[in-house]
Amino acid sequence: MDPVADSVMYGHPRAFRRAVPPPAALCSSLSLLEDLESQPWPSPHSVQVLIHDEEDDCFGLWMMHDGRLVEVPLPRTSRYFWRNHYTGEVDADCPGILMRTDKCDASPDGD
């Protein structure tokens, strides 16, 4: 495998490993998820991805289900989204932020 500058390695030491560009290079965690979904995983059912975006309080866990990476709800966490001030709709390209609900400032001014 060719090394990728400033790459992230993921995978179990005895399992298949792949280097990916850092999330900033892929523009967003949504782009990262799409890139990971398109990879030829030898055992897709064993894929587990931990993502910690800049604003997140903790890592989010994503697992492959029916060929798509789906976020697995974690205890004491909640994902929040902000609505557009003009349309009132949630931006489909915004992954939101994952926050812990067991701390005193756990509810942002989102939905």
PDB file of N, CA and C in Angstrom:
ATOM      1  N   MET A   1       0.852  -1.173   0.000  1.00  0.00           N
ATOM      2  CA  MET A   1       0.000   0.000   0.000  1.00  0.00           C
ATOM      3  C   MET A   1       0.897   1.235   0.000  1.00  0.00           C
ATOM      4  N   ASP A   2       0.587   2.174  -0.868  1.00  0.00           N
ATOM      5  CA  ASP A   2       1.356   3.410  -0.937  1.00  0.00           C
ATOM      6  C   ASP A   2       0.955   4.325   0.205  1.00  0.00           C
ATOM      7  N   PRO A   3       1.926   4.915   0.898  1.00  0.00           N
ATOM      8  CA  PRO A   3       1.569   5.832   1.966  1.00  0.00           C
ATOM      9  C   PRO A   3       0.940   7.106   1.405  1.00  0.00           C
ATOM     10  N   VAL A   4      -0.003   7.656   2.117  1.00  0.00           N
ATOM     11  CA  VAL A   4      -0.639   8.911   1.742  1.00  0.00           C
ATOM     12  C   VAL A   4      -0.174   9.953   2.746  1.00  0.00           C
ATOM     13  N   ALA A   5       0.339  11.087   2.254  1.00  0.00           N
ATOM     14  CA  ALA A   5       0.838  12.133   3.149  1.00  0.00           C
ATOM     15  C   ALA A   5      -0.280  12.571   4.086  1.00  0.00           C
ATOM     16  N   ASP A   6       0.029  12.712   5.373  1.00  0.00           N
ATOM     17  CA  ASP A   6      -0.941  13.123   6.383  1.00  0.00           C
ATOM     18  C   ASP A   6      -2.177  12.238   6.363  1.00  0.00           C
ATOM     19  N   SER A   7      -1.996  10.959   6.174  1.00  0.00           N
ATOM     20  CA  SER A   7      -3.140  10.057   6.066  1.00  0.00           C
ATOM     21  C   SER A   7      -3.540   9.508   7.432  1.00  0.00           C
ATOM     22  N   VAL A   8      -4.674   8.889   7.446  1.00  0.00           N
ATOM     23  CA  VAL A   8      -5.192   8.235   8.639  1.00  0.00           C
ATOM     24  C   VAL A   8      -5.259   6.750   8.319  1.00  0.00           C
ATOM     25  N   MET A   9      -4.756   5.927   9.201  1.00  0.00           N
ATOM     26  CA  MET A   9      -4.854   4.485   9.004  1.00  0.00           C
ATOM     27  C   MET A   9      -6.048   3.992   9.787  1.00  0.00           C
ATOM     28  N   TYR A  10      -6.823   3.128   9.180  1.00  0.00           N
ATOM     29  CA  TYR A  10      -7.911   2.533   9.917  1.00  0.00           C
ATOM     30  C   TYR A  10      -7.968   1.054   9.604  1.00  0.00           C
ATOM     31  N   GLY A  11      -8.471   0.307  10.527  1.00  0.00           N
ATOM     32  CA  GLY A  11      -8.549  -1.139  10.371  1.00  0.00           C
ATOM     33  C   GLY A  11      -7.872  -1.829  11.532  1.00  0.00           C
ATOM     34  N   HIS A  12      -8.278  -3.019  11.796  1.00  0.00           N
ATOM     35  CA  HIS A  12      -7.700  -3.823  12.863  1.00  0.00           C
ATOM     36  C   HIS A  12      -6.316  -4.279  12.420  1.00  0.00           C
ATOM     37  N   PRO A  13      -5.360  -4.414  13.348  1.00  0.00           N
ATOM     38  CA  PRO A  13      -4.005  -4.817  12.953  1.00  0.00           C
ATOM     39  C   PRO A  13      -3.966  -6.116  12.150  1.00  0.00           C
ATOM     40  N   ARG A  14      -4.882  -7.051  12.424  1.00  0.00           N
ATOM     41  CA  ARG A  14      -4.883  -8.309  11.689  1.00  0.00           C
ATOM     42  C   ARG A  14      -5.879  -8.291  10.539  1.00  0.00           C
ATOM     43  N   ALA A  15      -6.507  -7.175  10.332  1.00  0.00           N
ATOM     44  CA  ALA A  15      -7.524  -7.075   9.279  1.00  0.00           C
ATOM     45  C   ALA A  15      -7.011  -6.178   8.162  1.00  0.00           C
ATOM     46  N   PHE A  16      -7.871  -5.946   7.221  1.00  0.00           N
ATOM     47  CA  PHE A  16      -7.554  -5.094   6.082  1.00  0.00           C
ATOM     48  C   PHE A  16      -7.403  -3.650   6.552  1.00  0.00           C
ATOM     49  N   ARG A  17      -6.342  -2.977   6.135  1.00  0.00           N
ATOM     50  CA  ARG A  17      -6.116  -1.581   6.515  1.00  0.00           C
ATOM     51  C   ARG A  17      -6.084  -0.732   5.266  1.00  0.00           C
ATOM     52  N   ARG A  18      -6.529   0.506   5.399  1.00  0.00           N
ATOM     53  CA  ARG A  18      -6.521   1.406   4.249  1.00  0.00           C
ATOM     54  C   ARG A  18      -6.159   2.811   4.745  1.00  0.00           C
ATOM     55  N   ALA A  19      -5.380   3.515   3.938  1.00  0.00           N
ATOM     56  CA  ALA A  19      -5.030   4.892   4.260  1.00  0.00           C
ATOM     57  C   ALA A  19      -5.985   5.818   3.515  1.00  0.00           C
ATOM     58  N   VAL A  20      -6.490   6.824   4.224  1.00  0.00           N
ATOM     59  CA  VAL A  20      -7.369   7.806   3.585  1.00  0.00           C
ATOM     60  C   VAL A  20      -6.843   9.193   3.884  1.00  0.00           C
ATOM     61  N   PRO A  21      -7.130  10.150   2.999  1.00  0.00           N
ATOM     62  CA  PRO A  21      -6.740  11.527   3.295  1.00  0.00           C
ATOM     63  C   PRO A  21      -7.464  12.007   4.536  1.00  0.00           C
ATOM     64  N   PRO A  22      -6.902  12.980   5.241  1.00  0.00           N
ATOM     65  CA  PRO A  22      -7.588  13.501   6.418  1.00  0.00           C
ATOM     66  C   PRO A  22      -8.934  14.091   6.022  1.00  0.00           C
ATOM     67  N   PRO A  23      -9.918  14.105   6.949  1.00  0.00           N
ATOM     68  CA  PRO A  23     -11.254  14.596   6.618  1.00  0.00           C
ATOM     69  C   PRO A  23     -11.279  15.980   5.983  1.00  0.00           C
ATOM     70  N   ALA A  24     -10.378  16.867   6.370  1.00  0.00           N
ATOM     71  CA  ALA A  24     -10.374  18.215   5.795  1.00  0.00           C
ATOM     72  C   ALA A  24     -10.138  18.160   4.288  1.00  0.00           C
ATOM     73  N   ALA A  25      -9.348  17.186   3.850  1.00  0.00           N
ATOM     74  CA  ALA A  25      -9.071  17.063   2.419  1.00  0.00           C
ATOM     75  C   ALA A  25     -10.284  16.530   1.668  1.00  0.00           C
ATOM     76  N   LEU A  26     -11.190  15.877   2.360  1.00  0.00           N
ATOM     77  CA  LEU A  26     -12.394  15.345   1.720  1.00  0.00           C
ATOM     78  C   LEU A  26     -13.570  16.297   1.895  1.00  0.00           C
ATOM     79  N   CYS A  27     -13.353  17.471   2.442  1.00  0.00           N
ATOM     80  CA  CYS A  27     -14.330  18.547   2.605  1.00  0.00           C
ATOM     81  C   CYS A  27     -15.282  18.360   3.770  1.00  0.00           C
ATOM     82  N   SER A  28     -15.694  17.174   4.077  1.00  0.00           N
ATOM     83  CA  SER A  28     -16.614  16.979   5.196  1.00  0.00           C
ATOM     84  C   SER A  28     -16.654  15.517   5.574  1.00  0.00           C
ATOM     85  N   SER A  29     -17.239  15.230   6.726  1.00  0.00           N
ATOM     86  CA  SER A  29     -17.366  13.834   7.109  1.00  0.00           C
ATOM     87  C   SER A  29     -18.327  13.098   6.196  1.00  0.00           C
ATOM     88  N   LEU A  30     -19.261  13.809   5.551  1.00  0.00           N
ATOM     89  CA  LEU A  30     -20.163  13.149   4.606  1.00  0.00           C
ATOM     90  C   LEU A  30     -19.375  12.649   3.402  1.00  0.00           C
ATOM     91  N   SER A  31     -18.425  13.437   2.912  1.00  0.00           N
ATOM     92  CA  SER A  31     -17.572  13.001   1.805  1.00  0.00           C
ATOM     93  C   SER A  31     -16.717  11.813   2.229  1.00  0.00           C
ATOM     94  N   LEU A  32     -16.246  11.859   3.462  1.00  0.00           N
ATOM     95  CA  LEU A  32     -15.443  10.757   3.985  1.00  0.00           C
ATOM     96  C   LEU A  32     -16.272   9.476   4.017  1.00  0.00           C
ATOM     97  N   LEU A  33     -17.514   9.559   4.492  1.00  0.00           N
ATOM     98  CA  LEU A  33     -18.374   8.376   4.547  1.00  0.00           C
ATOM     99  C   LEU A  33     -18.631   7.819   3.149  1.00  0.00           C
ATOM    100  N   GLU A  34     -18.895   8.695   2.189  1.00  0.00           N
ATOM    101  CA  GLU A  34     -19.124   8.247   0.814  1.00  0.00           C
ATOM    102  C   GLU A  34     -17.885   7.554   0.253  1.00  0.00           C
ATOM    103  N   ASP A  35     -16.714   8.113   0.557  1.00  0.00           N
ATOM    104  CA  ASP A  35     -15.468   7.510   0.084  1.00  0.00           C
ATOM    105  C   ASP A  35     -15.273   6.127   0.706  1.00  0.00           C
ATOM    106  N   LEU A  36     -15.526   6.015   2.004  1.00  0.00           N
ATOM    107  CA  LEU A  36     -15.353   4.729   2.686  1.00  0.00           C
ATOM    108  C   LEU A  36     -16.368   3.694   2.194  1.00  0.00           C
ATOM    109  N   GLU A  37     -17.588   4.119   1.919  1.00  0.00           N
ATOM    110  CA  GLU A  37     -18.613   3.199   1.412  1.00  0.00           C
ATOM    111  C   GLU A  37     -18.224   2.616   0.053  1.00  0.00           C
ATOM    112  N   SER A  38     -17.501   3.386  -0.738  1.00  0.00           N
ATOM    113  CA  SER A  38     -17.148   2.946  -2.091  1.00  0.00           C
ATOM    114  C   SER A  38     -15.956   1.986  -2.117  1.00  0.00           C
ATOM    115  N   GLN A  39     -15.303   1.784  -0.993  1.00  0.00           N
ATOM    116  CA  GLN A  39     -14.123   0.921  -0.952  1.00  0.00           C
ATOM    117  C   GLN A  39     -14.515  -0.558  -1.034  1.00  0.00           C
ATOM    118  N   PRO A  40     -13.657  -1.389  -1.641  1.00  0.00           N
ATOM    119  CA  PRO A  40     -13.946  -2.827  -1.751  1.00  0.00           C
ATOM    120  C   PRO A  40     -13.558  -3.571  -0.465  1.00  0.00           C
ATOM    121  N   TRP A  41     -14.390  -3.490   0.541  1.00  0.00           N
ATOM    122  CA  TRP A  41     -14.090  -4.120   1.827  1.00  0.00           C
ATOM    123  C   TRP A  41     -14.209  -5.639   1.706  1.00  0.00           C
ATOM    124  N   PRO A  42     -13.194  -6.386   2.169  1.00  0.00           N
ATOM    125  CA  PRO A  42     -13.283  -7.849   2.106  1.00  0.00           C
ATOM    126  C   PRO A  42     -14.364  -8.403   3.047  1.00  0.00           C
ATOM    127  N   SER A  43     -14.619  -7.715   4.149  1.00  0.00           N
ATOM    128  CA  SER A  43     -15.657  -8.134   5.105  1.00  0.00           C
ATOM    129  C   SER A  43     -16.438  -6.897   5.537  1.00  0.00           C
ATOM    130  N   PRO A  44     -17.369  -6.413   4.700  1.00  0.00           N
ATOM    131  CA  PRO A  44     -18.086  -5.178   5.008  1.00  0.00           C
ATOM    132  C   PRO A  44     -18.813  -5.200   6.350  1.00  0.00           C
ATOM    133  N   HIS A  45     -19.257  -6.390   6.779  1.00  0.00           N
ATOM    134  CA  HIS A  45     -19.977  -6.488   8.046  1.00  0.00           C
ATOM    135  C   HIS A  45     -19.091  -6.182   9.262  1.00  0.00           C
ATOM    136  N   SER A  46     -17.774  -6.199   9.067  1.00  0.00           N
ATOM    137  CA  SER A  46     -16.870  -5.937  10.189  1.00  0.00           C
ATOM    138  C   SER A  46     -16.317  -4.505  10.189  1.00  0.00           C
ATOM    139  N   VAL A  47     -16.754  -3.672   9.233  1.00  0.00           N
ATOM    140  CA  VAL A  47     -16.252  -2.302   9.136  1.00  0.00           C
ATOM    141  C   VAL A  47     -16.839  -1.452  10.271  1.00  0.00           C
ATOM    142  N   GLN A  48     -15.963  -0.801  11.012  1.00  0.00           N
ATOM    143  CA  GLN A  48     -16.357   0.128  12.068  1.00  0.00           C
ATOM    144  C   GLN A  48     -15.515   1.385  11.894  1.00  0.00           C
ATOM    145  N   VAL A  49     -16.184   2.525  11.826  1.00  0.00           N
ATOM    146  CA  VAL A  49     -15.489   3.793  11.604  1.00  0.00           C
ATOM    147  C   VAL A  49     -15.804   4.721  12.774  1.00  0.00           C
ATOM    148  N   LEU A  50     -14.779   5.294  13.355  1.00  0.00           N
ATOM    149  CA  LEU A  50     -14.941   6.298  14.404  1.00  0.00           C
ATOM    150  C   LEU A  50     -14.591   7.656  13.808  1.00  0.00           C
ATOM    151  N   ILE A  51     -15.521   8.604  13.920  1.00  0.00           N
ATOM    152  CA  ILE A  51     -15.291   9.943  13.373  1.00  0.00           C
ATOM    153  C   ILE A  51     -15.480  10.968  14.473  1.00  0.00           C
ATOM    154  N   HIS A  52     -14.502  11.861  14.582  1.00  0.00           N
ATOM    155  CA  HIS A  52     -14.574  12.971  15.547  1.00  0.00           C
ATOM    156  C   HIS A  52     -14.391  14.251  14.757  1.00  0.00           C
ATOM    157  N   ASP A  53     -15.496  14.928  14.441  1.00  0.00           N
ATOM    158  CA  ASP A  53     -15.437  16.185  13.706  1.00  0.00           C
ATOM    159  C   ASP A  53     -15.006  17.301  14.659  1.00  0.00           C
ATOM    160  N   GLU A  54     -14.621  18.443  14.121  1.00  0.00           N
ATOM    161  CA  GLU A  54     -14.090  19.535  14.943  1.00  0.00           C
ATOM    162  C   GLU A  54     -15.003  19.945  16.093  1.00  0.00           C
ATOM    163  N   GLU A  55     -16.306  20.051  15.832  1.00  0.00           N
ATOM    164  CA  GLU A  55     -17.223  20.541  16.858  1.00  0.00           C
ATOM    165  C   GLU A  55     -17.783  19.443  17.748  1.00  0.00           C
ATOM    166  N   ASP A  56     -17.544  18.182  17.416  1.00  0.00           N
ATOM    167  CA  ASP A  56     -18.100  17.071  18.194  1.00  0.00           C
ATOM    168  C   ASP A  56     -17.469  16.987  19.581  1.00  0.00           C
ATOM    169  N   ASP A  57     -18.270  16.530  20.546  1.00  0.00           N
ATOM    170  CA  ASP A  57     -17.770  16.285  21.905  1.00  0.00           C
ATOM    171  C   ASP A  57     -17.021  14.967  21.995  1.00  0.00           C
ATOM    172  N   CYS A  58     -17.382  14.011  21.133  1.00  0.00           N
ATOM    173  CA  CYS A  58     -16.800  12.681  21.209  1.00  0.00           C
ATOM    174  C   CYS A  58     -16.851  12.020  19.828  1.00  0.00           C
ATOM    175  N   PHE A  59     -16.254  10.847  19.729  1.00  0.00           N
ATOM    176  CA  PHE A  59     -16.278  10.101  18.476  1.00  0.00           C
ATOM    177  C   PHE A  59     -17.668   9.537  18.222  1.00  0.00           C
ATOM    178  N   GLY A  60     -18.080   9.522  16.965  1.00  0.00           N
ATOM    179  CA  GLY A  60     -19.305   8.845  16.560  1.00  0.00           C
ATOM    180  C   GLY A  60     -18.923   7.515  15.935  1.00  0.00           C
ATOM    181  N   LEU A  61     -19.744   6.501  16.147  1.00  0.00           N
ATOM    182  CA  LEU A  61     -19.481   5.167  15.610  1.00  0.00           C
ATOM    183  C   LEU A  61     -20.381   4.922  14.404  1.00  0.00           C
ATOM    184  N   TRP A  62     -19.767   4.526  13.299  1.00  0.00           N
ATOM    185  CA  TRP A  62     -20.488   4.233  12.052  1.00  0.00           C
ATOM    186  C   TRP A  62     -20.161   2.812  11.655  1.00  0.00           C
ATOM    187  N   MET A  63     -21.183   2.063  11.245  1.00  0.00           N
ATOM    188  CA  MET A  63     -20.983   0.681  10.817  1.00  0.00           C
ATOM    189  C   MET A  63     -21.698   0.457   9.485  1.00  0.00           C
ATOM    190  N   MET A  64     -21.194  -0.501   8.719  1.00  0.00           N
ATOM    191  CA  MET A  64     -21.755  -0.809   7.413  1.00  0.00           C
ATOM    192  C   MET A  64     -23.027  -1.638   7.574  1.00  0.00           C
ATOM    193  N   HIS A  65     -24.133  -1.141   7.006  1.00  0.00           N
ATOM    194  CA  HIS A  65     -25.411  -1.860   6.964  1.00  0.00           C
ATOM    195  C   HIS A  65     -25.952  -1.744   5.542  1.00  0.00           C
ATOM    196  N   ASP A  66     -26.146  -2.879   4.879  1.00  0.00           N
ATOM    197  CA  ASP A  66     -26.665  -2.906   3.506  1.00  0.00           C
ATOM    198  C   ASP A  66     -25.871  -2.001   2.567  1.00  0.00           C
ATOM    199  N   GLY A  67     -24.547  -2.031   2.702  1.00  0.00           N
ATOM    200  CA  GLY A  67     -23.679  -1.268   1.806  1.00  0.00           C
ATOM    201  C   GLY A  67     -23.543   0.211   2.135  1.00  0.00           C
ATOM    202  N   ARG A  68     -24.171   0.671   3.193  1.00  0.00           N
ATOM    203  CA  ARG A  68     -24.106   2.088   3.593  1.00  0.00           C
ATOM    204  C   ARG A  68     -23.543   2.185   5.008  1.00  0.00           C
ATOM    205  N   LEU A  69     -22.760   3.230   5.263  1.00  0.00           N
ATOM    206  CA  LEU A  69     -22.300   3.486   6.625  1.00  0.00           C
ATOM    207  C   LEU A  69     -23.404   4.224   7.360  1.00  0.00           C
ATOM    208  N   VAL A  70     -23.820   3.668   8.477  1.00  0.00           N
ATOM    209  CA  VAL A  70     -24.916   4.204   9.276  1.00  0.00           C
ATOM    210  C   VAL A  70     -24.394   4.497  10.680  1.00  0.00           C
ATOM    211  N   GLU A  71     -24.754   5.665  11.206  1.00  0.00           N
ATOM    212  CA  GLU A  71     -24.312   6.002  12.554  1.00  0.00           C
ATOM    213  C   GLU A  71     -25.052   5.146  13.572  1.00  0.00           C
ATOM    214  N   VAL A  72     -24.296   4.558  14.487  1.00  0.00           N
ATOM    215  CA  VAL A  72     -24.861   3.734  15.545  1.00  0.00           C
ATOM    216  C   VAL A  72     -25.075   4.634  16.762  1.00  0.00           C
ATOM    217  N   PRO A  73     -26.310   4.726  17.265  1.00  0.00           N
ATOM    218  CA  PRO A  73     -26.554   5.578  18.430  1.00  0.00           C
ATOM    219  C   PRO A  73     -25.743   5.101  19.635  1.00  0.00           C
ATOM    220  N   LEU A  74     -25.080   6.036  20.271  1.00  0.00           N
ATOM    221  CA  LEU A  74     -24.295   5.723  21.466  1.00  0.00           C
ATOM    222  C   LEU A  74     -25.022   6.258  22.699  1.00  0.00           C
ATOM    223  N   PRO A  75     -24.946   5.530  23.809  1.00  0.00           N
ATOM    224  CA  PRO A  75     -25.584   6.026  25.031  1.00  0.00           C
ATOM    225  C   PRO A  75     -25.025   7.387  25.430  1.00  0.00           C
ATOM    226  N   ARG A  76     -25.895   8.236  25.950  1.00  0.00           N
ATOM    227  CA  ARG A  76     -25.537   9.562  26.467  1.00  0.00           C
ATOM    228  C   ARG A  76     -24.977  10.502  25.404  1.00  0.00           C
ATOM    229  N   THR A  77     -25.390  10.299  24.140  1.00  0.00           N
ATOM    230  CA  THR A  77     -25.002  11.229  23.073  1.00  0.00           C
ATOM    231  C   THR A  77     -26.235  11.558  22.238  1.00  0.00           C
ATOM    232  N   SER A  78     -26.170  12.684  21.552  1.00  0.00           N
ATOM    233  CA  SER A  78     -27.233  13.089  20.637  1.00  0.00           C
ATOM    234  C   SER A  78     -26.617  13.938  19.541  1.00  0.00           C
ATOM    235  N   ARG A  79     -27.107  13.764  18.301  1.00  0.00           N
ATOM    236  CA  ARG A  79     -26.613  14.567  17.175  1.00  0.00           C
ATOM    237  C   ARG A  79     -27.584  15.724  16.964  1.00  0.00           C
ATOM    238  N   TYR A  80     -27.042  16.936  16.871  1.00  0.00           N
ATOM    239  CA  TYR A  80     -27.847  18.149  16.711  1.00  0.00           C
ATOM    240  C   TYR A  80     -27.577  18.776  15.348  1.00  0.00           C
ATOM    241  N   PHE A  81     -28.611  19.371  14.776  1.00  0.00           N
ATOM    242  CA  PHE A  81     -28.521  20.033  13.480  1.00  0.00           C
ATOM    243  C   PHE A  81     -29.084  21.445  13.613  1.00  0.00           C
ATOM    244  N   TRP A  82     -28.567  22.370  12.825  1.00  0.00           N
ATOM    245  CA  TRP A  82     -29.079  23.728  12.802  1.00  0.00           C
ATOM    246  C   TRP A  82     -29.918  23.937  11.562  1.00  0.00           C
ATOM    247  N   ARG A  83     -30.949  24.717  11.703  1.00  0.00           N
ATOM    248  CA  ARG A  83     -31.824  25.044  10.578  1.00  0.00           C
ATOM    249  C   ARG A  83     -31.349  26.343   9.920  1.00  0.00           C
ATOM    250  N   ASN A  84     -31.549  26.421   8.605  1.00  0.00           N
ATOM    251  CA  ASN A  84     -31.251  27.628   7.852  1.00  0.00           C
ATOM    252  C   ASN A  84     -32.193  28.734   8.327  1.00  0.00           C
ATOM    253  N   HIS A  85     -31.649  29.912   8.620  1.00  0.00           N
ATOM    254  CA  HIS A  85     -32.459  31.017   9.142  1.00  0.00           C
ATOM    255  C   HIS A  85     -33.500  31.507   8.147  1.00  0.00           C
ATOM    256  N   TYR A  86     -33.264  31.316   6.853  1.00  0.00           N
ATOM    257  CA  TYR A  86     -34.173  31.820   5.835  1.00  0.00           C
ATOM    258  C   TYR A  86     -35.231  30.797   5.425  1.00  0.00           C
ATOM    259  N   THR A  87     -34.809  29.525   5.272  1.00  0.00           N
ATOM    260  CA  THR A  87     -35.740  28.510   4.787  1.00  0.00           C
ATOM    261  C   THR A  87     -36.344  27.666   5.905  1.00  0.00           C
ATOM    262  N   GLY A  88     -35.669  27.614   7.042  1.00  0.00           N
ATOM    263  CA  GLY A  88     -36.143  26.783   8.147  1.00  0.00           C
ATOM    264  C   GLY A  88     -35.804  25.308   7.983  1.00  0.00           C
ATOM    265  N   GLU A  89     -35.070  24.975   6.913  1.00  0.00           N
ATOM    266  CA  GLU A  89     -34.727  23.586   6.649  1.00  0.00           C
ATOM    267  C   GLU A  89     -33.308  23.278   7.100  1.00  0.00           C
ATOM    268  N   VAL A  90     -33.082  21.993   7.407  1.00  0.00           N
ATOM    269  CA  VAL A  90     -31.747  21.521   7.784  1.00  0.00           C
ATOM    270  C   VAL A  90     -30.939  21.328   6.513  1.00  0.00           C
ATOM    271  N   ASP A  91     -29.693  21.807   6.497  1.00  0.00           N
ATOM    272  CA  ASP A  91     -28.798  21.659   5.351  1.00  0.00           C
ATOM    273  C   ASP A  91     -28.411  20.189   5.208  1.00  0.00           C
ATOM    274  N   ALA A  92     -28.725  19.582   4.070  1.00  0.00           N
ATOM    275  CA  ALA A  92     -28.443  18.160   3.839  1.00  0.00           C
ATOM    276  C   ALA A  92     -26.947  17.856   3.842  1.00  0.00           C
ATOM    277  N   ASP A  93     -26.111  18.849   3.540  1.00  0.00           N
ATOM    278  CA  ASP A  93     -24.668  18.646   3.519  1.00  0.00           C
ATOM    279  C   ASP A  93     -24.019  18.850   4.877  1.00  0.00           C
ATOM    280  N   CYS A  94     -24.790  19.227   5.878  1.00  0.00           N
ATOM    281  CA  CYS A  94     -24.250  19.470   7.215  1.00  0.00           C
ATOM    282  C   CYS A  94     -24.393  18.207   8.060  1.00  0.00           C
ATOM    283  N   PRO A  95     -23.289  17.667   8.551  1.00  0.00           N
ATOM    284  CA  PRO A  95     -23.384  16.440   9.353  1.00  0.00           C
ATOM    285  C   PRO A  95     -23.893  16.694  10.773  1.00  0.00           C
ATOM    286  N   GLY A  96     -24.074  17.960  11.147  1.00  0.00           N
ATOM    287  CA  GLY A  96     -24.477  18.253  12.518  1.00  0.00           C
ATOM    288  C   GLY A  96     -23.307  18.058  13.469  1.00  0.00           C
ATOM    289  N   ILE A  97     -23.597  18.105  14.753  1.00  0.00           N
ATOM    290  CA  ILE A  97     -22.545  17.862  15.742  1.00  0.00           C
ATOM    291  C   ILE A  97     -23.031  16.817  16.735  1.00  0.00           C
ATOM    292  N   LEU A  98     -22.113  15.983  17.179  1.00  0.00           N
ATOM    293  CA  LEU A  98     -22.416  14.951  18.156  1.00  0.00           C
ATOM    294  C   LEU A  98     -22.030  15.481  19.524  1.00  0.00           C
ATOM    295  N   MET A  99     -23.007  15.510  20.424  1.00  0.00           N
ATOM    296  CA  MET A  99     -22.748  16.049  21.757  1.00  0.00           C
ATOM    297  C   MET A  99     -23.090  15.021  22.823  1.00  0.00           C
ATOM    298  N   ARG A 100     -22.345  15.079  23.898  1.00  0.00           N
ATOM    299  CA  ARG A 100     -22.663  14.257  25.061  1.00  0.00           C
ATOM    300  C   ARG A 100     -23.855  14.874  25.768  1.00  0.00           C
ATOM    301  N   THR A 101     -24.767  14.056  26.230  1.00  0.00           N
ATOM    302  CA  THR A 101     -25.943  14.554  26.929  1.00  0.00           C
ATOM    303  C   THR A 101     -25.792  14.468  28.448  1.00  0.00           C
ATOM    304  N   ASP A 102     -24.667  13.969  28.920  1.00  0.00           N
ATOM    305  CA  ASP A 102     -24.466  13.831  30.359  1.00  0.00           C
ATOM    306  C   ASP A 102     -23.606  14.948  30.942  1.00  0.00           C
ATOM    307  N   LYS A 103     -23.554  16.073  30.248  1.00  0.00           N
ATOM    308  CA  LYS A 103     -22.811  17.219  30.783  1.00  0.00           C
ATOM    309  C   LYS A 103     -23.754  18.420  30.815  1.00  0.00           C
ATOM    310  N   CYS A 104     -23.426  19.415  31.589  1.00  0.00           N
ATOM    311  CA  CYS A 104     -24.369  20.502  31.861  1.00  0.00           C
ATOM    312  C   CYS A 104     -24.651  21.385  30.657  1.00  0.00           C
ATOM    313  N   ASP A 105     -23.759  21.518  29.683  1.00  0.00           N
ATOM    314  CA  ASP A 105     -23.998  22.373  28.502  1.00  0.00           C
ATOM    315  C   ASP A 105     -24.274  21.522  27.265  1.00  0.00           C
ATOM    316  N   ALA A 106     -25.094  20.476  27.418  1.00  0.00           N
ATOM    317  CA  ALA A 106     -25.274  19.483  26.368  1.00  0.00           C
ATOM    318  C   ALA A 106     -26.274  19.821  25.287  1.00  0.00           C
ATOM    319  N   SER A 107     -26.945  20.940  25.333  1.00  0.00           N
ATOM    320  CA  SER A 107     -27.932  21.251  24.304  1.00  0.00           C
ATOM    321  C   SER A 107     -27.598  22.541  23.596  1.00  0.00           C
ATOM    322  N   PRO A 108     -27.093  22.455  22.340  1.00  0.00           N
ATOM    323  CA  PRO A 108     -26.779  23.679  21.604  1.00  0.00           C
ATOM    324  C   PRO A 108     -28.064  24.335  21.114  1.00  0.00           C
ATOM    325  N   ASP A 109     -27.946  25.478  20.511  1.00  0.00           N
ATOM    326  CA  ASP A 109     -29.111  26.182  19.973  1.00  0.00           C
ATOM    327  C   ASP A 109     -29.473  25.630  18.605  1.00  0.00           C
ATOM    328  N   GLY A 110     -29.650  24.339  18.495  1.00  0.00           N
ATOM    329  CA  GLY A 110     -30.025  23.691  17.249  1.00  0.00           C
ATOM    330  C   GLY A 110     -31.296  22.902  17.452  1.00  0.00           C
ATOM    331  N   ASP A 111     -31.526  21.936  16.562  1.00  0.00           N
ATOM    332  CA  ASP A 111     -32.716  21.086  16.680  1.00  0.00           C
ATOM    333  C   ASP A 111     -32.360  19.744  17.252  1.00  0.00           C
TER     334      ASP A 111
END
